[in-house]
């Protein structure tokens, strides 16, 4: 199942368009979407990438992400239904509610970026073609349940950059990043 979101200019506002439904509503930004996380990863990738999910190694788990050209998967906090918020910003900013924040280089090639987890819906967003620092914020929305699962909001922020650099802005207790960060992974096929 694929959900398709596109921002189209309508005067000073933007519209959320789904080809099968037409214009749903007028928004100035993308709205929060839900996605079910599986295999503890949330991938952001250029939609035309054939194999967007990586083969995770120990160092990738330790740093909280596995990066490939055109795709990055972030380690998630919980395998449950979560919220995803995608937006653009002028600069990288700290999110005080986040317990994990990671920045990675990301180049948008075809103006369509997908967000998905293994065996989940694929959310698609039109993001202008450019080089970015992609910021990942993990924000718990509730305490851990008896099952060990809990709701989390993942914010994905695209910040234009001439020289994007990978770094960890905020590290939770699950991360143990290598130095330097590993900026290569192989696709899981």
N, C-alpha and C. Protein backbone atom coordinates (compact mmCIF):
# COMPACT_ATOMS: atom_id res chain seq x y z
N UNK A 1 0.85 -1.17 0.00
CA UNK A 1 0.00 0.00 0.00
C UNK A 1 0.89 1.23 0.00
N UNK A 2 0.61 2.20 -0.85
CA UNK A 2 1.39 3.41 -0.92
C UNK A 2 0.49 4.61 -0.72
N UNK A 3 0.88 5.49 0.19
CA UNK A 3 0.19 6.76 0.37
C UNK A 3 1.04 7.80 -0.32
N UNK A 4 0.43 8.72 -1.01
CA UNK A 4 1.17 9.70 -1.81
C UNK A 4 0.77 11.09 -1.34
N UNK A 5 1.74 11.86 -0.89
CA UNK A 5 1.49 13.22 -0.45
C UNK A 5 2.32 14.16 -1.28
N UNK A 6 1.70 15.20 -1.79
CA UNK A 6 2.42 16.16 -2.61
C UNK A 6 2.01 17.55 -2.19
N UNK A 7 2.98 18.41 -2.10
CA UNK A 7 2.67 19.80 -1.81
C UNK A 7 2.61 20.55 -3.12
N UNK A 8 1.48 21.12 -3.42
CA UNK A 8 1.31 21.90 -4.63
C UNK A 8 0.99 23.33 -4.23
N UNK A 9 1.54 24.28 -4.94
CA UNK A 9 1.30 25.68 -4.61
C UNK A 9 -0.12 26.07 -5.01
N UNK A 10 -0.82 26.68 -4.08
CA UNK A 10 -2.16 27.21 -4.34
C UNK A 10 -2.19 28.60 -3.72
N UNK A 11 -1.77 29.63 -4.47
CA UNK A 11 -1.64 30.95 -3.90
C UNK A 11 -0.52 30.92 -2.89
N UNK A 12 -0.79 31.36 -1.68
CA UNK A 12 0.23 31.35 -0.64
C UNK A 12 0.17 30.09 0.21
N UNK A 13 -0.78 29.21 -0.09
CA UNK A 13 -0.93 27.98 0.68
C UNK A 13 -0.50 26.79 -0.15
N UNK A 14 -0.38 25.64 0.50
CA UNK A 14 -0.06 24.41 -0.19
C UNK A 14 -1.16 23.41 0.06
N UNK A 15 -1.37 22.52 -0.89
CA UNK A 15 -2.43 21.53 -0.75
C UNK A 15 -1.84 20.15 -0.63
N UNK A 16 -2.46 19.31 0.18
CA UNK A 16 -2.09 17.91 0.27
C UNK A 16 -2.92 17.18 -0.77
N UNK A 17 -2.28 16.55 -1.73
CA UNK A 17 -2.98 15.92 -2.85
C UNK A 17 -2.73 14.42 -2.84
N UNK A 18 -3.77 13.65 -3.02
CA UNK A 18 -3.64 12.21 -3.22
C UNK A 18 -4.27 11.93 -4.56
N UNK A 19 -3.51 11.34 -5.50
CA UNK A 19 -4.04 11.13 -6.84
C UNK A 19 -5.38 10.40 -6.88
N UNK A 20 -5.60 9.48 -5.95
CA UNK A 20 -6.84 8.72 -5.96
C UNK A 20 -8.00 9.48 -5.33
N UNK A 21 -7.71 10.53 -4.56
CA UNK A 21 -8.75 11.25 -3.83
C UNK A 21 -8.84 12.72 -4.19
N UNK A 22 -7.82 13.27 -4.84
CA UNK A 22 -7.80 14.71 -5.11
C UNK A 22 -7.28 15.47 -3.91
N UNK A 23 -7.62 16.74 -3.81
CA UNK A 23 -7.15 17.57 -2.72
C UNK A 23 -7.94 17.23 -1.47
N UNK A 24 -7.25 16.80 -0.41
CA UNK A 24 -7.91 16.48 0.86
C UNK A 24 -8.15 17.74 1.68
N UNK A 25 -7.13 18.56 1.80
CA UNK A 25 -7.23 19.76 2.62
C UNK A 25 -6.06 20.66 2.27
N UNK A 26 -6.14 21.89 2.68
CA UNK A 26 -5.06 22.83 2.43
C UNK A 26 -4.20 22.94 3.69
N UNK A 27 -2.88 22.76 3.51
CA UNK A 27 -1.94 22.79 4.63
C UNK A 27 -0.77 23.70 4.28
N UNK A 28 -0.13 24.25 5.28
CA UNK A 28 1.10 24.99 5.08
C UNK A 28 2.32 24.09 5.29
N UNK A 29 2.10 22.90 5.84
CA UNK A 29 3.17 21.96 6.11
C UNK A 29 2.58 20.55 6.01
N UNK A 30 3.44 19.54 5.93
CA UNK A 30 2.94 18.18 5.92
C UNK A 30 2.36 17.86 7.29
N UNK A 31 1.34 17.05 7.31
CA UNK A 31 0.72 16.67 8.57
C UNK A 31 1.39 15.41 9.12
N UNK A 32 1.14 15.15 10.39
CA UNK A 32 1.67 13.95 11.04
C UNK A 32 0.96 12.73 10.46
N UNK A 33 1.74 11.71 10.12
CA UNK A 33 1.22 10.45 9.58
C UNK A 33 1.55 9.32 10.55
N UNK A 34 0.84 8.21 10.43
CA UNK A 34 1.14 7.03 11.24
C UNK A 34 1.76 5.96 10.37
N UNK A 35 2.67 5.21 10.98
CA UNK A 35 3.32 4.10 10.30
C UNK A 35 3.65 3.05 11.36
N UNK A 36 3.59 1.79 10.98
CA UNK A 36 3.95 0.72 11.92
C UNK A 36 5.41 0.33 11.68
N UNK A 37 6.18 0.39 12.74
CA UNK A 37 7.61 0.08 12.69
C UNK A 37 7.80 -1.42 12.84
N UNK A 38 8.65 -1.99 11.99
CA UNK A 38 9.05 -3.39 12.14
C UNK A 38 10.56 -3.48 11.93
N UNK A 39 11.15 -4.48 12.49
CA UNK A 39 12.60 -4.69 12.42
C UNK A 39 13.38 -3.48 12.93
N UNK A 40 12.76 -2.72 13.82
CA UNK A 40 13.43 -1.61 14.52
C UNK A 40 14.11 -0.62 13.60
N UNK A 41 13.49 -0.32 12.44
CA UNK A 41 14.10 0.66 11.55
C UNK A 41 13.06 1.47 10.80
N UNK A 42 13.42 2.71 10.55
CA UNK A 42 12.62 3.62 9.75
C UNK A 42 13.53 4.14 8.64
N UNK A 43 13.17 3.86 7.40
CA UNK A 43 14.02 4.23 6.26
C UNK A 43 13.49 5.48 5.57
N UNK A 44 14.44 6.32 5.14
CA UNK A 44 14.15 7.49 4.31
C UNK A 44 14.98 7.29 3.06
N UNK A 45 14.32 7.35 1.88
CA UNK A 45 15.06 7.05 0.66
C UNK A 45 14.44 7.72 -0.55
N UNK A 46 15.29 7.95 -1.54
CA UNK A 46 14.79 8.42 -2.83
C UNK A 46 13.90 7.30 -3.36
N UNK A 47 12.71 7.65 -3.78
CA UNK A 47 11.69 6.66 -4.14
C UNK A 47 12.16 5.67 -5.19
N UNK A 48 13.05 6.08 -6.07
CA UNK A 48 13.50 5.18 -7.14
C UNK A 48 14.59 4.19 -6.70
N UNK A 49 15.05 4.27 -5.46
CA UNK A 49 16.07 3.32 -4.96
C UNK A 49 15.43 1.94 -4.91
N UNK A 50 16.09 0.95 -5.56
CA UNK A 50 15.55 -0.41 -5.65
C UNK A 50 15.54 -1.16 -4.32
N UNK A 51 16.63 -1.09 -3.58
CA UNK A 51 16.78 -1.82 -2.31
C UNK A 51 17.13 -0.82 -1.21
N UNK A 52 16.12 -0.18 -0.61
CA UNK A 52 16.41 0.90 0.33
C UNK A 52 16.80 0.44 1.74
N UNK A 53 16.53 -0.81 2.09
CA UNK A 53 16.82 -1.26 3.45
C UNK A 53 18.22 -1.87 3.53
N UNK A 54 19.00 -1.47 4.54
CA UNK A 54 20.39 -1.91 4.63
C UNK A 54 20.55 -3.23 5.39
N UNK A 55 21.70 -3.82 5.21
CA UNK A 55 22.14 -4.95 6.01
C UNK A 55 22.90 -4.35 7.19
N UNK A 56 22.27 -4.33 8.37
CA UNK A 56 22.84 -3.67 9.55
C UNK A 56 24.02 -4.47 10.11
N UNK A 57 25.08 -3.77 10.42
CA UNK A 57 26.25 -4.35 11.11
C UNK A 57 26.31 -3.76 12.52
N UNK A 58 27.21 -4.28 13.35
CA UNK A 58 27.32 -3.86 14.74
C UNK A 58 27.52 -2.34 14.87
N UNK A 59 28.41 -1.77 14.06
CA UNK A 59 28.66 -0.33 14.14
C UNK A 59 27.44 0.49 13.76
N UNK A 60 26.65 0.00 12.80
CA UNK A 60 25.43 0.71 12.41
C UNK A 60 24.45 0.75 13.59
N UNK A 61 24.28 -0.38 14.25
CA UNK A 61 23.39 -0.44 15.42
C UNK A 61 23.90 0.52 16.49
N UNK A 62 25.20 0.54 16.71
CA UNK A 62 25.78 1.39 17.73
C UNK A 62 25.60 2.88 17.48
N UNK A 63 25.63 3.27 16.21
CA UNK A 63 25.48 4.69 15.89
C UNK A 63 24.03 5.10 15.64
N UNK A 64 23.14 4.10 15.50
CA UNK A 64 21.72 4.40 15.35
C UNK A 64 21.26 4.61 13.92
N UNK A 65 22.11 4.37 12.94
CA UNK A 65 21.71 4.51 11.55
C UNK A 65 22.64 3.72 10.64
N UNK A 66 22.10 3.36 9.47
CA UNK A 66 22.88 2.72 8.42
C UNK A 66 22.66 3.54 7.16
N UNK A 67 23.73 4.10 6.63
CA UNK A 67 23.66 5.04 5.51
C UNK A 67 24.15 4.40 4.23
N UNK A 68 23.37 4.59 3.16
CA UNK A 68 23.77 4.20 1.81
C UNK A 68 23.48 5.40 0.92
N UNK A 69 24.12 5.49 -0.22
CA UNK A 69 23.85 6.57 -1.14
C UNK A 69 22.38 6.52 -1.56
N UNK A 70 21.63 7.56 -1.26
CA UNK A 70 20.23 7.62 -1.64
C UNK A 70 19.26 7.04 -0.63
N UNK A 71 19.78 6.51 0.48
CA UNK A 71 18.92 5.88 1.48
C UNK A 71 19.60 5.88 2.85
N UNK A 72 18.81 6.07 3.89
CA UNK A 72 19.31 5.92 5.25
C UNK A 72 18.21 5.27 6.09
N UNK A 73 18.59 4.34 6.93
CA UNK A 73 17.65 3.75 7.89
C UNK A 73 18.10 4.12 9.29
N UNK A 74 17.15 4.58 10.08
CA UNK A 74 17.43 4.96 11.46
C UNK A 74 16.91 3.87 12.39
N UNK A 75 17.67 3.56 13.41
CA UNK A 75 17.22 2.63 14.44
C UNK A 75 16.11 3.29 15.24
N UNK A 76 15.03 2.56 15.48
CA UNK A 76 13.89 3.12 16.20
C UNK A 76 13.89 2.72 17.66
N UNK A 77 13.06 3.38 18.44
CA UNK A 77 12.98 3.11 19.87
C UNK A 77 12.03 1.97 20.20
N UNK A 78 11.02 1.75 19.35
CA UNK A 78 9.99 0.76 19.65
C UNK A 78 9.38 0.24 18.35
N UNK A 79 9.13 -1.04 18.28
CA UNK A 79 8.44 -1.65 17.13
C UNK A 79 6.93 -1.59 17.37
N UNK A 80 6.35 -0.45 17.07
CA UNK A 80 4.91 -0.26 17.26
C UNK A 80 4.44 0.80 16.28
N UNK A 81 3.17 1.11 16.31
CA UNK A 81 2.65 2.19 15.48
C UNK A 81 3.20 3.50 16.03
N UNK A 82 3.72 4.32 15.15
CA UNK A 82 4.33 5.57 15.58
C UNK A 82 3.84 6.71 14.70
N UNK A 83 4.23 7.91 15.06
CA UNK A 83 3.94 9.09 14.27
C UNK A 83 5.18 9.49 13.50
N UNK A 84 4.98 9.98 12.28
CA UNK A 84 6.08 10.50 11.47
C UNK A 84 5.71 11.92 11.04
N UNK A 85 6.61 12.83 11.29
CA UNK A 85 6.44 14.22 10.86
C UNK A 85 7.63 14.59 9.99
N UNK A 86 7.36 14.96 8.74
CA UNK A 86 8.40 15.37 7.80
C UNK A 86 8.25 16.87 7.57
N UNK A 87 9.37 17.58 7.61
CA UNK A 87 9.32 19.02 7.35
C UNK A 87 10.68 19.51 6.86
N UNK A 88 10.72 20.73 6.42
CA UNK A 88 11.97 21.38 6.05
C UNK A 88 12.24 22.48 7.06
N UNK A 89 13.50 22.89 7.16
CA UNK A 89 13.89 23.98 8.06
C UNK A 89 15.10 24.69 7.47
N UNK A 90 15.38 25.87 7.96
CA UNK A 90 16.52 26.66 7.48
C UNK A 90 17.82 26.27 8.14
N UNK A 91 17.73 25.67 9.34
CA UNK A 91 18.95 25.26 10.04
C UNK A 91 18.67 24.08 10.95
N UNK A 92 19.72 23.38 11.30
CA UNK A 92 19.60 22.24 12.22
C UNK A 92 19.33 22.80 13.61
N UNK A 93 18.27 22.31 14.23
CA UNK A 93 17.90 22.78 15.56
C UNK A 93 17.76 21.60 16.52
N UNK A 94 18.07 21.85 17.77
CA UNK A 94 17.87 20.86 18.82
C UNK A 94 16.38 20.74 19.11
N UNK A 95 15.94 19.53 19.38
CA UNK A 95 14.57 19.30 19.83
C UNK A 95 14.67 18.83 21.28
N UNK A 96 14.23 19.66 22.21
CA UNK A 96 14.41 19.35 23.63
C UNK A 96 13.59 18.14 24.08
N UNK A 97 12.55 17.77 23.33
CA UNK A 97 11.73 16.60 23.67
C UNK A 97 12.35 15.29 23.18
N UNK A 98 13.29 15.38 22.25
CA UNK A 98 13.89 14.18 21.67
C UNK A 98 14.89 13.56 22.64
N UNK A 99 14.94 12.21 22.63
CA UNK A 99 15.98 11.53 23.41
C UNK A 99 17.11 11.03 22.50
N UNK A 100 16.85 11.07 21.17
CA UNK A 100 17.86 10.69 20.19
C UNK A 100 17.72 11.63 18.99
N UNK A 101 18.83 12.23 18.59
CA UNK A 101 18.84 13.11 17.42
C UNK A 101 20.10 12.85 16.61
N UNK A 102 19.92 12.58 15.34
CA UNK A 102 21.02 12.21 14.45
C UNK A 102 20.91 13.05 13.17
N UNK A 103 22.05 13.47 12.65
CA UNK A 103 22.10 14.22 11.38
C UNK A 103 22.92 13.40 10.39
N UNK A 104 22.41 13.26 9.17
CA UNK A 104 23.15 12.56 8.10
C UNK A 104 23.02 13.35 6.80
N UNK A 105 24.00 13.22 5.90
CA UNK A 105 23.87 13.82 4.57
C UNK A 105 22.78 13.09 3.78
N UNK A 106 22.03 13.84 2.99
CA UNK A 106 21.00 13.22 2.17
C UNK A 106 20.80 14.07 0.92
N UNK A 107 20.90 13.44 -0.25
CA UNK A 107 20.66 14.13 -1.51
C UNK A 107 19.34 13.67 -2.10
N UNK A 108 18.44 14.62 -2.33
CA UNK A 108 17.18 14.32 -2.98
C UNK A 108 17.42 14.42 -4.47
N UNK A 109 17.18 13.32 -5.19
CA UNK A 109 17.51 13.26 -6.62
C UNK A 109 16.32 13.46 -7.53
N UNK A 110 15.19 12.88 -7.18
CA UNK A 110 14.05 12.90 -8.11
C UNK A 110 12.85 13.64 -7.54
N UNK A 111 13.06 14.40 -6.50
CA UNK A 111 12.03 15.20 -5.83
C UNK A 111 10.95 14.38 -5.14
N UNK A 112 11.14 13.08 -5.06
CA UNK A 112 10.19 12.24 -4.32
C UNK A 112 10.97 11.41 -3.32
N UNK A 113 10.66 11.61 -2.05
CA UNK A 113 11.31 10.90 -0.97
C UNK A 113 10.28 10.00 -0.30
N UNK A 114 10.68 8.77 -0.02
CA UNK A 114 9.80 7.82 0.66
C UNK A 114 10.26 7.61 2.09
N UNK A 115 9.30 7.34 2.96
CA UNK A 115 9.56 6.98 4.35
C UNK A 115 8.80 5.69 4.60
N UNK A 116 9.51 4.66 5.09
CA UNK A 116 8.86 3.37 5.29
C UNK A 116 9.62 2.55 6.32
N UNK A 117 8.96 1.51 6.80
CA UNK A 117 9.61 0.47 7.58
C UNK A 117 9.37 -0.82 6.80
N UNK A 118 10.07 -1.87 7.17
CA UNK A 118 9.91 -3.14 6.47
C UNK A 118 8.45 -3.60 6.64
N UNK A 119 7.81 -3.98 5.56
CA UNK A 119 6.42 -4.47 5.56
C UNK A 119 5.41 -3.44 6.05
N UNK A 120 5.68 -2.15 5.84
CA UNK A 120 4.74 -1.11 6.25
C UNK A 120 4.28 -0.33 5.03
N UNK A 121 3.38 0.61 5.26
CA UNK A 121 3.01 1.52 4.19
C UNK A 121 4.24 2.34 3.82
N UNK A 122 4.23 2.88 2.62
CA UNK A 122 5.31 3.76 2.17
C UNK A 122 4.72 5.15 2.02
N UNK A 123 5.20 6.08 2.82
CA UNK A 123 4.76 7.47 2.73
C UNK A 123 5.66 8.17 1.75
N UNK A 124 5.09 8.97 0.85
CA UNK A 124 5.90 9.68 -0.14
C UNK A 124 5.69 11.18 -0.01
N UNK A 125 6.80 11.91 -0.15
CA UNK A 125 6.79 13.36 -0.01
C UNK A 125 7.58 13.98 -1.15
N UNK A 126 7.07 15.07 -1.67
CA UNK A 126 7.84 15.83 -2.65
C UNK A 126 8.72 16.80 -1.89
N UNK A 127 10.02 16.63 -2.05
CA UNK A 127 11.02 17.49 -1.43
C UNK A 127 11.88 18.02 -2.57
N UNK A 128 12.14 19.32 -2.63
CA UNK A 128 12.93 19.86 -3.74
C UNK A 128 14.29 19.17 -3.88
N UNK A 129 14.69 18.94 -5.11
CA UNK A 129 15.97 18.30 -5.43
C UNK A 129 17.10 19.19 -4.92
N UNK A 130 17.95 18.64 -4.04
CA UNK A 130 19.06 19.40 -3.45
C UNK A 130 19.83 18.50 -2.50
N UNK A 131 20.90 19.06 -1.92
CA UNK A 131 21.66 18.38 -0.86
C UNK A 131 21.19 18.89 0.49
N UNK A 132 21.04 17.96 1.44
CA UNK A 132 20.48 18.29 2.74
C UNK A 132 21.29 17.67 3.87
N UNK A 133 21.11 18.24 5.05
CA UNK A 133 21.38 17.53 6.29
C UNK A 133 20.01 17.05 6.74
N UNK A 134 19.84 15.74 6.81
CA UNK A 134 18.58 15.14 7.25
C UNK A 134 18.69 14.89 8.75
N UNK A 135 17.81 15.53 9.50
CA UNK A 135 17.81 15.42 10.96
C UNK A 135 16.72 14.45 11.37
N UNK A 136 17.10 13.49 12.21
CA UNK A 136 16.17 12.49 12.76
C UNK A 136 16.04 12.75 14.25
N UNK A 137 14.82 13.04 14.71
CA UNK A 137 14.55 13.20 16.15
C UNK A 137 13.61 12.08 16.58
N UNK A 138 13.93 11.39 17.66
CA UNK A 138 13.07 10.35 18.24
C UNK A 138 12.50 10.90 19.55
N UNK A 139 11.17 11.03 19.60
CA UNK A 139 10.49 11.67 20.72
C UNK A 139 9.46 10.71 21.31
N UNK A 140 9.71 10.16 22.50
CA UNK A 140 8.71 9.27 23.12
C UNK A 140 7.44 10.05 23.44
N UNK A 141 6.28 9.46 23.14
CA UNK A 141 5.00 10.10 23.41
C UNK A 141 4.31 9.53 24.65
N UNK A 142 4.84 8.42 25.15
CA UNK A 142 4.27 7.78 26.34
C UNK A 142 5.33 6.90 26.98
N UNK A 143 5.04 6.42 28.19
CA UNK A 143 5.96 5.52 28.86
C UNK A 143 5.93 4.13 28.26
N UNK A 144 6.92 3.33 28.61
CA UNK A 144 7.02 1.96 28.10
C UNK A 144 5.92 1.12 28.73
N UNK A 145 5.20 0.36 27.89
CA UNK A 145 4.12 -0.50 28.37
C UNK A 145 4.69 -1.82 28.89
N UNK A 146 3.82 -2.67 29.45
CA UNK A 146 4.24 -3.98 29.94
C UNK A 146 4.85 -4.83 28.83
N UNK A 147 4.39 -4.61 27.60
CA UNK A 147 4.91 -5.37 26.46
C UNK A 147 6.25 -4.83 25.97
N UNK A 148 6.67 -3.69 26.52
CA UNK A 148 7.92 -3.08 26.08
C UNK A 148 7.75 -2.14 24.90
N UNK A 149 6.51 -2.00 24.42
CA UNK A 149 6.23 -1.13 23.27
C UNK A 149 5.66 0.19 23.76
N UNK A 150 5.87 1.24 22.97
CA UNK A 150 5.29 2.54 23.28
C UNK A 150 5.30 3.41 22.03
N UNK A 151 4.41 4.42 22.04
CA UNK A 151 4.30 5.32 20.89
C UNK A 151 5.45 6.32 20.90
N UNK A 152 5.94 6.58 19.69
CA UNK A 152 7.05 7.50 19.49
C UNK A 152 6.72 8.37 18.28
N UNK A 153 7.14 9.61 18.32
CA UNK A 153 7.08 10.46 17.13
C UNK A 153 8.49 10.58 16.58
N UNK A 154 8.62 10.34 15.27
CA UNK A 154 9.89 10.51 14.58
C UNK A 154 9.76 11.73 13.68
N UNK A 155 10.59 12.72 13.94
CA UNK A 155 10.62 13.91 13.10
C UNK A 155 11.78 13.79 12.14
N UNK A 156 11.51 14.05 10.87
CA UNK A 156 12.52 14.01 9.81
C UNK A 156 12.57 15.41 9.20
N UNK A 157 13.68 16.09 9.42
CA UNK A 157 13.80 17.49 9.03
C UNK A 157 14.87 17.63 7.96
N UNK A 158 14.49 18.18 6.81
CA UNK A 158 15.41 18.40 5.70
C UNK A 158 15.93 19.84 5.77
N UNK A 159 17.26 19.98 5.94
CA UNK A 159 17.90 21.30 6.02
C UNK A 159 18.91 21.39 4.88
N UNK A 160 18.70 22.32 3.96
CA UNK A 160 19.63 22.46 2.83
C UNK A 160 21.03 22.74 3.33
N UNK A 161 22.02 22.12 2.63
CA UNK A 161 23.41 22.28 3.07
C UNK A 161 24.35 22.05 1.89
N UNK A 162 25.35 22.92 1.78
CA UNK A 162 26.39 22.74 0.75
C UNK A 162 27.40 21.69 1.16
N UNK A 163 27.55 21.49 2.47
CA UNK A 163 28.52 20.50 2.96
C UNK A 163 27.92 19.72 4.14
N UNK A 164 26.96 18.83 3.83
CA UNK A 164 26.32 18.07 4.91
C UNK A 164 27.29 17.11 5.60
N UNK A 165 27.16 17.02 6.92
CA UNK A 165 28.04 16.19 7.74
C UNK A 165 27.22 15.31 8.67
N UNK A 166 27.62 14.06 8.81
CA UNK A 166 26.95 13.15 9.75
C UNK A 166 27.44 13.44 11.16
N UNK A 167 26.51 13.42 12.10
CA UNK A 167 26.86 13.60 13.51
C UNK A 167 25.68 13.21 14.39
N UNK A 168 25.98 12.93 15.63
CA UNK A 168 24.95 12.61 16.60
C UNK A 168 24.77 13.83 17.48
N UNK A 169 23.56 14.40 17.46
CA UNK A 169 23.28 15.59 18.25
C UNK A 169 22.90 15.24 19.68
N UNK A 170 22.13 14.15 19.84
CA UNK A 170 21.68 13.73 21.16
C UNK A 170 21.70 12.21 21.20
N UNK A 171 22.36 11.68 22.20
CA UNK A 171 22.58 10.23 22.29
C UNK A 171 21.86 9.67 23.50
N UNK A 172 21.02 8.65 23.27
CA UNK A 172 20.36 7.96 24.38
C UNK A 172 21.24 6.78 24.82
N UNK A 173 20.79 6.04 25.81
CA UNK A 173 21.61 4.96 26.39
C UNK A 173 21.77 3.76 25.47
N UNK A 174 20.96 3.65 24.42
CA UNK A 174 21.06 2.53 23.49
C UNK A 174 22.17 2.71 22.45
N UNK A 175 22.66 3.92 22.30
CA UNK A 175 23.68 4.19 21.28
C UNK A 175 25.08 4.09 21.87
N UNK A 176 25.98 3.54 21.08
CA UNK A 176 27.41 3.48 21.41
C UNK A 176 28.16 3.65 20.09
N UNK A 177 28.19 4.89 19.58
CA UNK A 177 28.71 5.14 18.23
C UNK A 177 30.21 4.93 18.10
N UNK A 178 30.64 4.43 16.94
CA UNK A 178 32.07 4.32 16.66
C UNK A 178 32.62 5.70 16.31
N UNK A 179 33.93 5.82 16.35
CA UNK A 179 34.59 7.07 15.94
C UNK A 179 35.66 6.72 14.93
N UNK A 180 35.50 7.10 13.68
CA UNK A 180 34.44 7.93 13.11
C UNK A 180 33.17 7.11 12.83
N UNK A 181 32.08 7.84 12.54
CA UNK A 181 30.83 7.20 12.17
C UNK A 181 31.01 6.44 10.86
N UNK A 182 30.29 5.33 10.72
CA UNK A 182 30.38 4.49 9.52
C UNK A 182 29.39 5.03 8.48
N UNK A 183 29.91 5.44 7.33
CA UNK A 183 29.09 6.06 6.29
C UNK A 183 28.99 5.18 5.05
N UNK A 184 28.85 3.89 5.27
CA UNK A 184 28.60 2.96 4.16
C UNK A 184 27.90 1.73 4.71
N UNK A 185 26.98 1.22 3.90
CA UNK A 185 26.26 -0.01 4.23
C UNK A 185 25.90 -0.69 2.93
N UNK A 186 25.63 -1.96 3.00
CA UNK A 186 25.20 -2.73 1.83
C UNK A 186 23.70 -2.95 1.91
N UNK A 187 23.03 -2.98 0.77
CA UNK A 187 21.59 -3.26 0.79
C UNK A 187 21.29 -4.68 1.27
N UNK A 188 20.20 -4.84 1.99
CA UNK A 188 19.74 -6.16 2.40
C UNK A 188 18.90 -6.71 1.24
N UNK A 189 19.45 -7.68 0.53
CA UNK A 189 18.71 -8.26 -0.60
C UNK A 189 18.63 -9.77 -0.47
